[in-house]
Amino acid sequence: MLSWSGNEQGIEIELTSVREATGGANVKFARELLDFATASTELDDSALFSAREALVKTAGVGLTIDAAAVIANFEMMTRLADSTGARMPEEVVVQRLGVATAMGVDQATSRR
């Protein structure tokens, strides 16, 4: 979605830069967004509170609400797909491996 959004806005998104939240990503508030997204997937309320407050301070309430909505949507889609037993076809998994590696998602551990 980030790549598509960047294309729509005429911004080239370098996924490794996004993962590292460096300025080369051309994404405003990259560090704060990454910290908020990461804290949203962990079971640490104080980390989530701190990350949310930092994002509100630098990006505003509206952007923070939008980011929370995107995170919630991804969580919902994952749960929905899991509950139906849906699995990605092997060729799709292979195609997306490069993006997953660039973003560091291939290193994520499932909470299941």
PDB file of N, CA and C in Angstrom:
ATOM      1  N   MET A   1       0.820  -1.196   0.000  1.00  0.00           N
ATOM      2  CA  MET A   1       0.000   0.000   0.000  1.00  0.00           C
ATOM      3  C   MET A   1       0.865   1.261   0.000  1.00  0.00           C
ATOM      4  N   LEU A   2       1.981   1.217   0.735  1.00  0.00           N
ATOM      5  CA  LEU A   2       2.842   2.389   0.778  1.00  0.00           C
ATOM      6  C   LEU A   2       3.423   2.677  -0.595  1.00  0.00           C
ATOM      7  N   SER A   3       3.833   1.633  -1.298  1.00  0.00           N
ATOM      8  CA  SER A   3       4.382   1.846  -2.641  1.00  0.00           C
ATOM      9  C   SER A   3       3.329   2.453  -3.556  1.00  0.00           C
ATOM     10  N   TRP A   4       2.094   1.946  -3.501  1.00  0.00           N
ATOM     11  CA  TRP A   4       1.009   2.479  -4.332  1.00  0.00           C
ATOM     12  C   TRP A   4       0.728   3.925  -3.964  1.00  0.00           C
ATOM     13  N   SER A   5       0.658   4.226  -2.686  1.00  0.00           N
ATOM     14  CA  SER A   5       0.393   5.588  -2.232  1.00  0.00           C
ATOM     15  C   SER A   5       1.483   6.540  -2.717  1.00  0.00           C
ATOM     16  N   GLY A   6       2.733   6.104  -2.614  1.00  0.00           N
ATOM     17  CA  GLY A   6       3.835   6.926  -3.093  1.00  0.00           C
ATOM     18  C   GLY A   6       3.741   7.181  -4.582  1.00  0.00           C
ATOM     19  N   ASN A   7       3.418   6.143  -5.344  1.00  0.00           N
ATOM     20  CA  ASN A   7       3.259   6.309  -6.796  1.00  0.00           C
ATOM     21  C   ASN A   7       2.154   7.309  -7.114  1.00  0.00           C
ATOM     22  N   GLU A   8       1.040   7.220  -6.407  1.00  0.00           N
ATOM     23  CA  GLU A   8      -0.085   8.123  -6.640  1.00  0.00           C
ATOM     24  C   GLU A   8       0.287   9.577  -6.358  1.00  0.00           C
ATOM     25  N   GLN A   9       1.200   9.779  -5.415  1.00  0.00           N
ATOM     26  CA  GLN A   9       1.608  11.133  -5.047  1.00  0.00           C
ATOM     27  C   GLN A   9       2.884  11.583  -5.758  1.00  0.00           C
ATOM     28  N   GLY A  10       3.422  10.726  -6.620  1.00  0.00           N
ATOM     29  CA  GLY A  10       4.636  11.069  -7.340  1.00  0.00           C
ATOM     30  C   GLY A  10       5.883  11.030  -6.465  1.00  0.00           C
ATOM     31  N   ILE A  11       5.852  10.223  -5.411  1.00  0.00           N
ATOM     32  CA  ILE A  11       6.974  10.101  -4.485  1.00  0.00           C
ATOM     33  C   ILE A  11       7.551   8.692  -4.610  1.00  0.00           C
ATOM     34  N   GLU A  12       8.848   8.591  -4.839  1.00  0.00           N
ATOM     35  CA  GLU A  12       9.470   7.277  -4.888  1.00  0.00           C
ATOM     36  C   GLU A  12       9.745   6.818  -3.462  1.00  0.00           C
ATOM     37  N   ILE A  13       9.278   5.640  -3.137  1.00  0.00           N
ATOM     38  CA  ILE A  13       9.441   5.085  -1.795  1.00  0.00           C
ATOM     39  C   ILE A  13      10.500   4.004  -1.840  1.00  0.00           C
ATOM     40  N   GLU A  14      11.563   4.173  -1.076  1.00  0.00           N
ATOM     41  CA  GLU A  14      12.625   3.185  -0.944  1.00  0.00           C
ATOM     42  C   GLU A  14      12.301   2.401   0.331  1.00  0.00           C
ATOM     43  N   LEU A  15      11.858   1.146   0.175  1.00  0.00           N
ATOM     44  CA  LEU A  15      11.332   0.377   1.298  1.00  0.00           C
ATOM     45  C   LEU A  15      12.345   0.149   2.415  1.00  0.00           C
ATOM     46  N   THR A  16      13.616  -0.032   2.082  1.00  0.00           N
ATOM     47  CA  THR A  16      14.628  -0.202   3.126  1.00  0.00           C
ATOM     48  C   THR A  16      14.724   1.056   3.974  1.00  0.00           C
ATOM     49  N   SER A  17      14.620   2.218   3.345  1.00  0.00           N
ATOM     50  CA  SER A  17      14.652   3.475   4.090  1.00  0.00           C
ATOM     51  C   SER A  17      13.444   3.606   5.005  1.00  0.00           C
ATOM     52  N   VAL A  18      12.318   3.110   4.555  1.00  0.00           N
ATOM     53  CA  VAL A  18      11.115   3.158   5.391  1.00  0.00           C
ATOM     54  C   VAL A  18      11.318   2.299   6.623  1.00  0.00           C
ATOM     55  N   ARG A  19      11.825   1.096   6.424  1.00  0.00           N
ATOM     56  CA  ARG A  19      12.062   0.186   7.551  1.00  0.00           C
ATOM     57  C   ARG A  19      13.000   0.816   8.574  1.00  0.00           C
ATOM     58  N   GLU A  20      13.995   1.529   8.094  1.00  0.00           N
ATOM     59  CA  GLU A  20      14.975   2.138   8.983  1.00  0.00           C
ATOM     60  C   GLU A  20      14.565   3.536   9.420  1.00  0.00           C
ATOM     61  N   ALA A  21      13.439   4.031   8.860  1.00  0.00           N
ATOM     62  CA  ALA A  21      12.899   5.357   9.184  1.00  0.00           C
ATOM     63  C   ALA A  21      13.937   6.448   8.974  1.00  0.00           C
ATOM     64  N   THR A  22      14.669   6.348   7.863  1.00  0.00           N
ATOM     65  CA  THR A  22      15.645   7.380   7.528  1.00  0.00           C
ATOM     66  C   THR A  22      14.991   8.411   6.622  1.00  0.00           C
ATOM     67  N   GLY A  23      15.590   9.570   6.535  1.00  0.00           N
ATOM     68  CA  GLY A  23      15.032  10.644   5.727  1.00  0.00           C
ATOM     69  C   GLY A  23      14.930  10.319   4.249  1.00  0.00           C
ATOM     70  N   GLY A  24      15.682   9.361   3.763  1.00  0.00           N
ATOM     71  CA  GLY A  24      15.648   9.008   2.357  1.00  0.00           C
ATOM     72  C   GLY A  24      14.328   8.410   1.914  1.00  0.00           C
ATOM     73  N   ALA A  25      13.453   8.102   2.866  1.00  0.00           N
ATOM     74  CA  ALA A  25      12.186   7.473   2.529  1.00  0.00           C
ATOM     75  C   ALA A  25      11.168   8.473   1.991  1.00  0.00           C
ATOM     76  N   ASN A  26      11.428   9.763   2.112  1.00  0.00           N
ATOM     77  CA  ASN A  26      10.484  10.794   1.677  1.00  0.00           C
ATOM     78  C   ASN A  26       9.129  10.659   2.354  1.00  0.00           C
ATOM     79  N   VAL A  27       9.116  10.135   3.553  1.00  0.00           N
ATOM     80  CA  VAL A  27       7.892   9.993   4.325  1.00  0.00           C
ATOM     81  C   VAL A  27       8.033  10.863   5.570  1.00  0.00           C
ATOM     82  N   LYS A  28       7.160  11.866   5.681  1.00  0.00           N
ATOM     83  CA  LYS A  28       7.205  12.729   6.855  1.00  0.00           C
ATOM     84  C   LYS A  28       6.897  11.902   8.093  1.00  0.00           C
ATOM     85  N   PHE A  29       7.553  12.252   9.168  1.00  0.00           N
ATOM     86  CA  PHE A  29       7.325  11.601  10.463  1.00  0.00           C
ATOM     87  C   PHE A  29       7.589  10.098  10.406  1.00  0.00           C
ATOM     88  N   ALA A  30       8.555   9.686   9.566  1.00  0.00           N
ATOM     89  CA  ALA A  30       8.820   8.258   9.365  1.00  0.00           C
ATOM     90  C   ALA A  30       9.148   7.554  10.679  1.00  0.00           C
ATOM     91  N   ARG A  31      10.024   8.125  11.484  1.00  0.00           N
ATOM     92  CA  ARG A  31      10.412   7.491  12.748  1.00  0.00           C
ATOM     93  C   ARG A  31       9.197   7.335  13.656  1.00  0.00           C
ATOM     94  N   GLU A  32       8.414   8.402  13.789  1.00  0.00           N
ATOM     95  CA  GLU A  32       7.251   8.358  14.674  1.00  0.00           C
ATOM     96  C   GLU A  32       6.200   7.361  14.172  1.00  0.00           C
ATOM     97  N   LEU A  33       5.993   7.329  12.863  1.00  0.00           N
ATOM     98  CA  LEU A  33       5.048   6.364  12.297  1.00  0.00           C
ATOM     99  C   LEU A  33       5.510   4.928  12.529  1.00  0.00           C
ATOM    100  N   LEU A  34       6.789   4.678  12.296  1.00  0.00           N
ATOM    101  CA  LEU A  34       7.328   3.338  12.493  1.00  0.00           C
ATOM    102  C   LEU A  34       7.237   2.926  13.959  1.00  0.00           C
ATOM    103  N   ASP A  35       7.576   3.839  14.853  1.00  0.00           N
ATOM    104  CA  ASP A  35       7.494   3.531  16.285  1.00  0.00           C
ATOM    105  C   ASP A  35       6.056   3.236  16.707  1.00  0.00           C
ATOM    106  N   PHE A  36       5.103   4.004  16.182  1.00  0.00           N
ATOM    107  CA  PHE A  36       3.699   3.796  16.515  1.00  0.00           C
ATOM    108  C   PHE A  36       3.203   2.451  15.969  1.00  0.00           C
ATOM    109  N   ALA A  37       3.540   2.162  14.723  1.00  0.00           N
ATOM    110  CA  ALA A  37       3.125   0.887  14.123  1.00  0.00           C
ATOM    111  C   ALA A  37       3.733  -0.293  14.876  1.00  0.00           C
ATOM    112  N   THR A  38       5.000  -0.185  15.234  1.00  0.00           N
ATOM    113  CA  THR A  38       5.665  -1.257  15.973  1.00  0.00           C
ATOM    114  C   THR A  38       5.036  -1.442  17.345  1.00  0.00           C
ATOM    115  N   ALA A  39       4.828  -0.346  18.063  1.00  0.00           N
ATOM    116  CA  ALA A  39       4.233  -0.429  19.402  1.00  0.00           C
ATOM    117  C   ALA A  39       2.814  -0.990  19.346  1.00  0.00           C
ATOM    118  N   SER A  40       2.129  -0.760  18.251  1.00  0.00           N
ATOM    119  CA  SER A  40       0.756  -1.257  18.112  1.00  0.00           C
ATOM    120  C   SER A  40       0.688  -2.765  18.004  1.00  0.00           C
ATOM    121  N   THR A  41       1.794  -3.390  17.673  1.00  0.00           N
ATOM    122  CA  THR A  41       1.805  -4.849  17.519  1.00  0.00           C
ATOM    123  C   THR A  41       2.358  -5.553  18.748  1.00  0.00           C
ATOM    124  N   GLU A  42       2.772  -4.781  19.736  1.00  0.00           N
ATOM    125  CA  GLU A  42       3.359  -5.358  20.941  1.00  0.00           C
ATOM    126  C   GLU A  42       2.370  -5.259  22.094  1.00  0.00           C
ATOM    127  N   LEU A  43       2.620  -5.995  23.142  1.00  0.00           N
ATOM    128  CA  LEU A  43       1.726  -6.001  24.298  1.00  0.00           C
ATOM    129  C   LEU A  43       2.290  -5.127  25.418  1.00  0.00           C
ATOM    130  N   ASP A  44       2.694  -3.912  25.072  1.00  0.00           N
ATOM    131  CA  ASP A  44       3.291  -2.984  26.037  1.00  0.00           C
ATOM    132  C   ASP A  44       2.526  -1.666  25.964  1.00  0.00           C
ATOM    133  N   ASP A  45       1.587  -1.479  26.878  1.00  0.00           N
ATOM    134  CA  ASP A  45       0.743  -0.282  26.856  1.00  0.00           C
ATOM    135  C   ASP A  45       1.536   1.008  26.985  1.00  0.00           C
ATOM    136  N   SER A  46       2.592   1.002  27.802  1.00  0.00           N
ATOM    137  CA  SER A  46       3.362   2.237  27.982  1.00  0.00           C
ATOM    138  C   SER A  46       4.119   2.602  26.701  1.00  0.00           C
ATOM    139  N   ALA A  47       4.630   1.602  25.978  1.00  0.00           N
ATOM    140  CA  ALA A  47       5.317   1.878  24.705  1.00  0.00           C
ATOM    141  C   ALA A  47       4.327   2.429  23.688  1.00  0.00           C
ATOM    142  N   LEU A  48       3.122   1.873  23.658  1.00  0.00           N
ATOM    143  CA  LEU A  48       2.100   2.358  22.737  1.00  0.00           C
ATOM    144  C   LEU A  48       1.700   3.791  23.087  1.00  0.00           C
ATOM    145  N   PHE A  49       1.512   4.071  24.355  1.00  0.00           N
ATOM    146  CA  PHE A  49       1.153   5.419  24.792  1.00  0.00           C
ATOM    147  C   PHE A  49       2.233   6.423  24.380  1.00  0.00           C
ATOM    148  N   SER A  50       3.489   6.079  24.638  1.00  0.00           N
ATOM    149  CA  SER A  50       4.603   6.975  24.305  1.00  0.00           C
ATOM    150  C   SER A  50       4.704   7.211  22.802  1.00  0.00           C
ATOM    151  N   ALA A  51       4.582   6.132  22.031  1.00  0.00           N
ATOM    152  CA  ALA A  51       4.677   6.258  20.579  1.00  0.00           C
ATOM    153  C   ALA A  51       3.517   7.080  20.023  1.00  0.00           C
ATOM    154  N   ARG A  52       2.329   6.856  20.553  1.00  0.00           N
ATOM    155  CA  ARG A  52       1.162   7.616  20.097  1.00  0.00           C
ATOM    156  C   ARG A  52       1.324   9.100  20.435  1.00  0.00           C
ATOM    157  N   GLU A  53       1.780   9.402  21.628  1.00  0.00           N
ATOM    158  CA  GLU A  53       1.978  10.797  22.024  1.00  0.00           C
ATOM    159  C   GLU A  53       3.035  11.483  21.160  1.00  0.00           C
ATOM    160  N   ALA A  54       4.108  10.766  20.834  1.00  0.00           N
ATOM    161  CA  ALA A  54       5.161  11.335  19.976  1.00  0.00           C
ATOM    162  C   ALA A  54       4.621  11.621  18.586  1.00  0.00           C
ATOM    163  N   LEU A  55       3.781  10.727  18.062  1.00  0.00           N
ATOM    164  CA  LEU A  55       3.210  10.939  16.738  1.00  0.00           C
ATOM    165  C   LEU A  55       2.223  12.108  16.754  1.00  0.00           C
ATOM    166  N   VAL A  56       1.405  12.199  17.776  1.00  0.00           N
ATOM    167  CA  VAL A  56       0.478  13.335  17.898  1.00  0.00           C
ATOM    168  C   VAL A  56       1.259  14.640  17.955  1.00  0.00           C
ATOM    169  N   LYS A  57       2.333  14.661  18.718  1.00  0.00           N
ATOM    170  CA  LYS A  57       3.133  15.879  18.889  1.00  0.00           C
ATOM    171  C   LYS A  57       3.771  16.333  17.574  1.00  0.00           C
ATOM    172  N   THR A  58       4.250  15.390  16.773  1.00  0.00           N
ATOM    173  CA  THR A  58       4.957  15.764  15.545  1.00  0.00           C
ATOM    174  C   THR A  58       4.067  15.835  14.316  1.00  0.00           C
ATOM    175  N   ALA A  59       3.012  15.019  14.282  1.00  0.00           N
ATOM    176  CA  ALA A  59       2.201  14.932  13.066  1.00  0.00           C
ATOM    177  C   ALA A  59       0.761  15.391  13.255  1.00  0.00           C
ATOM    178  N   GLY A  60       0.322  15.504  14.482  1.00  0.00           N
ATOM    179  CA  GLY A  60      -1.043  15.945  14.746  1.00  0.00           C
ATOM    180  C   GLY A  60      -1.997  14.798  15.014  1.00  0.00           C
ATOM    181  N   VAL A  61      -3.144  15.148  15.560  1.00  0.00           N
ATOM    182  CA  VAL A  61      -4.149  14.162  15.928  1.00  0.00           C
ATOM    183  C   VAL A  61      -4.729  13.470  14.693  1.00  0.00           C
ATOM    184  N   GLY A  62      -5.021  14.233  13.651  1.00  0.00           N
ATOM    185  CA  GLY A  62      -5.641  13.666  12.453  1.00  0.00           C
ATOM    186  C   GLY A  62      -4.802  12.572  11.824  1.00  0.00           C
ATOM    187  N   LEU A  63      -3.522  12.828  11.642  1.00  0.00           N
ATOM    188  CA  LEU A  63      -2.647  11.820  11.047  1.00  0.00           C
ATOM    189  C   LEU A  63      -2.522  10.610  11.966  1.00  0.00           C
ATOM    190  N   THR A  64      -2.491  10.841  13.268  1.00  0.00           N
ATOM    191  CA  THR A  64      -2.401   9.730  14.214  1.00  0.00           C
ATOM    192  C   THR A  64      -3.644   8.845  14.122  1.00  0.00           C
ATOM    193  N   ILE A  65      -4.804   9.462  13.998  1.00  0.00           N
ATOM    194  CA  ILE A  65      -6.044   8.695  13.841  1.00  0.00           C
ATOM    195  C   ILE A  65      -6.008   7.898  12.539  1.00  0.00           C
ATOM    196  N   ASP A  66      -5.542   8.521  11.465  1.00  0.00           N
ATOM    197  CA  ASP A  66      -5.424   7.808  10.185  1.00  0.00           C
ATOM    198  C   ASP A  66      -4.483   6.616  10.312  1.00  0.00           C
ATOM    199  N   ALA A  67      -3.347   6.815  10.978  1.00  0.00           N
ATOM    200  CA  ALA A  67      -2.386   5.716  11.149  1.00  0.00           C
ATOM    201  C   ALA A  67      -2.999   4.592  11.975  1.00  0.00           C
ATOM    202  N   ALA A  68      -3.719   4.932  13.029  1.00  0.00           N
ATOM    203  CA  ALA A  68      -4.370   3.911  13.860  1.00  0.00           C
ATOM    204  C   ALA A  68      -5.413   3.143  13.048  1.00  0.00           C
ATOM    205  N   ALA A  69      -6.127   3.846  12.196  1.00  0.00           N
ATOM    206  CA  ALA A  69      -7.143   3.186  11.355  1.00  0.00           C
ATOM    207  C   ALA A  69      -6.497   2.211  10.374  1.00  0.00           C
ATOM    208  N   VAL A  70      -5.367   2.593   9.797  1.00  0.00           N
ATOM    209  CA  VAL A  70      -4.659   1.697   8.867  1.00  0.00           C
ATOM    210  C   VAL A  70      -4.170   0.462   9.610  1.00  0.00           C
ATOM    211  N   ILE A  71      -3.602   0.655  10.798  1.00  0.00           N
ATOM    212  CA  ILE A  71      -3.118  -0.473  11.600  1.00  0.00           C
ATOM    213  C   ILE A  71      -4.282  -1.402  11.946  1.00  0.00           C
ATOM    214  N   ALA A  72      -5.401  -0.825  12.375  1.00  0.00           N
ATOM    215  CA  ALA A  72      -6.576  -1.632  12.726  1.00  0.00           C
ATOM    216  C   ALA A  72      -7.104  -2.398  11.518  1.00  0.00           C
ATOM    217  N   ASN A  73      -7.095  -1.764  10.355  1.00  0.00           N
ATOM    218  CA  ASN A  73      -7.574  -2.426   9.140  1.00  0.00           C
ATOM    219  C   ASN A  73      -6.698  -3.626   8.788  1.00  0.00           C
ATOM    220  N   PHE A  74      -5.388  -3.471   8.878  1.00  0.00           N
ATOM    221  CA  PHE A  74      -4.501  -4.591   8.583  1.00  0.00           C
ATOM    222  C   PHE A  74      -4.714  -5.719   9.579  1.00  0.00           C
ATOM    223  N   GLU A  75      -4.891  -5.374  10.855  1.00  0.00           N
ATOM    224  CA  GLU A  75      -5.147  -6.392  11.877  1.00  0.00           C
ATOM    225  C   GLU A  75      -6.444  -7.145  11.565  1.00  0.00           C
ATOM    226  N   MET A  76      -7.479  -6.394  11.181  1.00  0.00           N
ATOM    227  CA  MET A  76      -8.768  -6.997  10.851  1.00  0.00           C
ATOM    228  C   MET A  76      -8.637  -7.917   9.635  1.00  0.00           C
ATOM    229  N   MET A  77      -7.941  -7.466   8.609  1.00  0.00           N
ATOM    230  CA  MET A  77      -7.803  -8.285   7.403  1.00  0.00           C
ATOM    231  C   MET A  77      -7.049  -9.573   7.690  1.00  0.00           C
ATOM    232  N   THR A  78      -6.018  -9.484   8.519  1.00  0.00           N
ATOM    233  CA  THR A  78      -5.242 -10.671   8.877  1.00  0.00           C
ATOM    234  C   THR A  78      -6.104 -11.667   9.639  1.00  0.00           C
ATOM    235  N   ARG A  79      -6.870 -11.175  10.609  1.00  0.00           N
ATOM    236  CA  ARG A  79      -7.728 -12.069  11.386  1.00  0.00           C
ATOM    237  C   ARG A  79      -8.807 -12.699  10.518  1.00  0.00           C
ATOM    238  N   LEU A  80      -9.366 -11.912   9.626  1.00  0.00           N
ATOM    239  CA  LEU A  80     -10.401 -12.424   8.732  1.00  0.00           C
ATOM    240  C   LEU A  80      -9.839 -13.526   7.833  1.00  0.00           C
ATOM    241  N   ALA A  81      -8.686 -13.263   7.239  1.00  0.00           N
ATOM    242  CA  ALA A  81      -8.068 -14.267   6.365  1.00  0.00           C
ATOM    243  C   ALA A  81      -7.717 -15.527   7.152  1.00  0.00           C
ATOM    244  N   ASP A  82      -7.154 -15.352   8.347  1.00  0.00           N
ATOM    245  CA  ASP A  82      -6.803 -16.512   9.169  1.00  0.00           C
ATOM    246  C   ASP A  82      -8.035 -17.324   9.550  1.00  0.00           C
ATOM    247  N   SER A  83      -9.126 -16.631   9.886  1.00  0.00           N
ATOM    248  CA  SER A  83     -10.325 -17.342  10.348  1.00  0.00           C
ATOM    249  C   SER A  83     -10.996 -18.138   9.234  1.00  0.00           C
ATOM    250  N   THR A  84     -10.782 -17.730   7.993  1.00  0.00           N
ATOM    251  CA  THR A  84     -11.372 -18.476   6.879  1.00  0.00           C
ATOM    252  C   THR A  84     -10.442 -19.569   6.372  1.00  0.00           C
ATOM    253  N   GLY A  85      -9.217 -19.590   6.877  1.00  0.00           N
ATOM    254  CA  GLY A  85      -8.248 -20.578   6.417  1.00  0.00           C
ATOM    255  C   GLY A  85      -7.589 -20.190   5.108  1.00  0.00           C
ATOM    256  N   ALA A  86      -7.791 -18.956   4.675  1.00  0.00           N
ATOM    257  CA  ALA A  86      -7.225 -18.498   3.400  1.00  0.00           C
ATOM    258  C   ALA A  86      -5.692 -18.504   3.468  1.00  0.00           C
ATOM    259  N   ARG A  87      -5.095 -18.924   2.416  1.00  0.00           N
ATOM    260  CA  ARG A  87      -3.640 -18.915   2.294  1.00  0.00           C
ATOM    261  C   ARG A  87      -3.274 -18.322   0.946  1.00  0.00           C
ATOM    262  N   MET A  88      -2.168 -17.592   0.902  1.00  0.00           N
ATOM    263  CA  MET A  88      -1.699 -17.031  -0.360  1.00  0.00           C
ATOM    264  C   MET A  88      -1.128 -18.137  -1.231  1.00  0.00           C
ATOM    265  N   PRO A  89      -1.418 -18.070  -2.537  1.00  0.00           N
ATOM    266  CA  PRO A  89      -0.796 -19.040  -3.446  1.00  0.00           C
ATOM    267  C   PRO A  89       0.731 -18.910  -3.398  1.00  0.00           C
ATOM    268  N   GLU A  90       1.422 -20.008  -3.561  1.00  0.00           N
ATOM    269  CA  GLU A  90       2.884 -20.039  -3.465  1.00  0.00           C
ATOM    270  C   GLU A  90       3.547 -19.012  -4.380  1.00  0.00           C
ATOM    271  N   GLU A  91       3.024 -18.825  -5.609  1.00  0.00           N
ATOM    272  CA  GLU A  91       3.645 -17.872  -6.539  1.00  0.00           C
ATOM    273  C   GLU A  91       3.536 -16.437  -6.022  1.00  0.00           C
ATOM    274  N   VAL A  92       2.469 -16.127  -5.301  1.00  0.00           N
ATOM    275  CA  VAL A  92       2.310 -14.788  -4.719  1.00  0.00           C
ATOM    276  C   VAL A  92       3.309 -14.593  -3.583  1.00  0.00           C
ATOM    277  N   VAL A  93       3.478 -15.632  -2.772  1.00  0.00           N
ATOM    278  CA  VAL A  93       4.441 -15.566  -1.671  1.00  0.00           C
ATOM    279  C   VAL A  93       5.834 -15.296  -2.224  1.00  0.00           C
ATOM    280  N   VAL A  94       6.216 -16.003  -3.273  1.00  0.00           N
ATOM    281  CA  VAL A  94       7.536 -15.828  -3.887  1.00  0.00           C
ATOM    282  C   VAL A  94       7.688 -14.412  -4.443  1.00  0.00           C
ATOM    283  N   GLN A  95       6.649 -13.894  -5.111  1.00  0.00           N
ATOM    284  CA  GLN A  95       6.713 -12.549  -5.684  1.00  0.00           C
ATOM    285  C   GLN A  95       6.887 -11.487  -4.607  1.00  0.00           C
ATOM    286  N   ARG A  96       6.283 -11.669  -3.452  1.00  0.00           N
ATOM    287  CA  ARG A  96       6.297 -10.652  -2.397  1.00  0.00           C
ATOM    288  C   ARG A  96       7.479 -10.785  -1.446  1.00  0.00           C
ATOM    289  N   LEU A  97       8.280 -11.811  -1.609  1.00  0.00           N
ATOM    290  CA  LEU A  97       9.395 -12.029  -0.701  1.00  0.00           C
ATOM    291  C   LEU A  97      10.388 -10.871  -0.719  1.00  0.00           C
ATOM    292  N   GLY A  98      10.656 -10.297  -1.893  1.00  0.00           N
ATOM    293  CA  GLY A  98      11.589  -9.173  -1.977  1.00  0.00           C
ATOM    294  C   GLY A  98      11.120  -7.985  -1.167  1.00  0.00           C
ATOM    295  N   VAL A  99       9.845  -7.665  -1.243  1.00  0.00           N
ATOM    296  CA  VAL A  99       9.283  -6.549  -0.466  1.00  0.00           C
ATOM    297  C   VAL A  99       9.330  -6.888   1.015  1.00  0.00           C
ATOM    298  N   ALA A 100       8.963  -8.109   1.367  1.00  0.00           N
ATOM    299  CA  ALA A 100       8.975  -8.521   2.770  1.00  0.00           C
ATOM    300  C   ALA A 100      10.381  -8.429   3.349  1.00  0.00           C
ATOM    301  N   THR A 101      11.374  -8.815   2.576  1.00  0.00           N
ATOM    302  CA  THR A 101      12.759  -8.737   3.033  1.00  0.00           C
ATOM    303  C   THR A 101      13.203  -7.289   3.190  1.00  0.00           C
ATOM    304  N   ALA A 102      12.875  -6.439   2.216  1.00  0.00           N
ATOM    305  CA  ALA A 102      13.255  -5.024   2.286  1.00  0.00           C
ATOM    306  C   ALA A 102      12.649  -4.340   3.508  1.00  0.00           C
ATOM    307  N   MET A 103      11.426  -4.720   3.866  1.00  0.00           N
ATOM    308  CA  MET A 103      10.741  -4.108   4.996  1.00  0.00           C
ATOM    309  C   MET A 103      11.077  -4.789   6.325  1.00  0.00           C
ATOM    310  N   GLY A 104      11.767  -5.917   6.284  1.00  0.00           N
ATOM    311  CA  GLY A 104      12.096  -6.640   7.506  1.00  0.00           C
ATOM    312  C   GLY A 104      10.972  -7.520   8.013  1.00  0.00           C
ATOM    313  N   VAL A 105       9.888  -7.625   7.237  1.00  0.00           N
ATOM    314  CA  VAL A 105       8.737  -8.422   7.655  1.00  0.00           C
ATOM    315  C   VAL A 105       9.086  -9.900   7.711  1.00  0.00           C
ATOM    316  N   ASP A 106      10.030 -10.312   6.892  1.00  0.00           N
ATOM    317  CA  ASP A 106      10.419 -11.732   6.898  1.00  0.00           C
ATOM    318  C   ASP A 106      11.052 -12.141   8.214  1.00  0.00           C
ATOM    319  N   GLN A 107      11.427 -11.183   9.061  1.00  0.00           N
ATOM    320  CA  GLN A 107      12.018 -11.457  10.361  1.00  0.00           C
ATOM    321  C   GLN A 107      10.996 -11.403  11.497  1.00  0.00           C
ATOM    322  N   ALA A 108       9.756 -11.035  11.179  1.00  0.00           N
ATOM    323  CA  ALA A 108       8.717 -10.907  12.204  1.00  0.00           C
ATOM    324  C   ALA A 108       8.313 -12.286  12.724  1.00  0.00           C
ATOM    325  N   THR A 109       7.979 -12.318  13.993  1.00  0.00           N
ATOM    326  CA  THR A 109       7.517 -13.547  14.625  1.00  0.00           C
ATOM    327  C   THR A 109       6.031 -13.438  14.885  1.00  0.00           C
ATOM    328  N   SER A 110       5.279 -14.428  14.489  1.00  0.00           N
ATOM    329  CA  SER A 110       3.847 -14.447  14.709  1.00  0.00           C
ATOM    330  C   SER A 110       3.548 -14.607  16.185  1.00  0.00           C
ATOM    331  N   ARG A 111       2.454 -13.976  16.650  1.00  0.00           N
ATOM    332  CA  ARG A 111       2.050 -14.150  18.042  1.00  0.00           C
ATOM    333  C   ARG A 111       1.165 -15.376  18.221  1.00  0.00           C
ATOM    334  N   ARG A 112       0.927 -16.124  17.148  1.00  0.00           N
ATOM    335  CA  ARG A 112       0.106 -17.334  17.268  1.00  0.00           C
ATOM    336  C   ARG A 112       0.821 -18.414  17.992  1.00  0.00           C
TER     337      ARG A 112
END
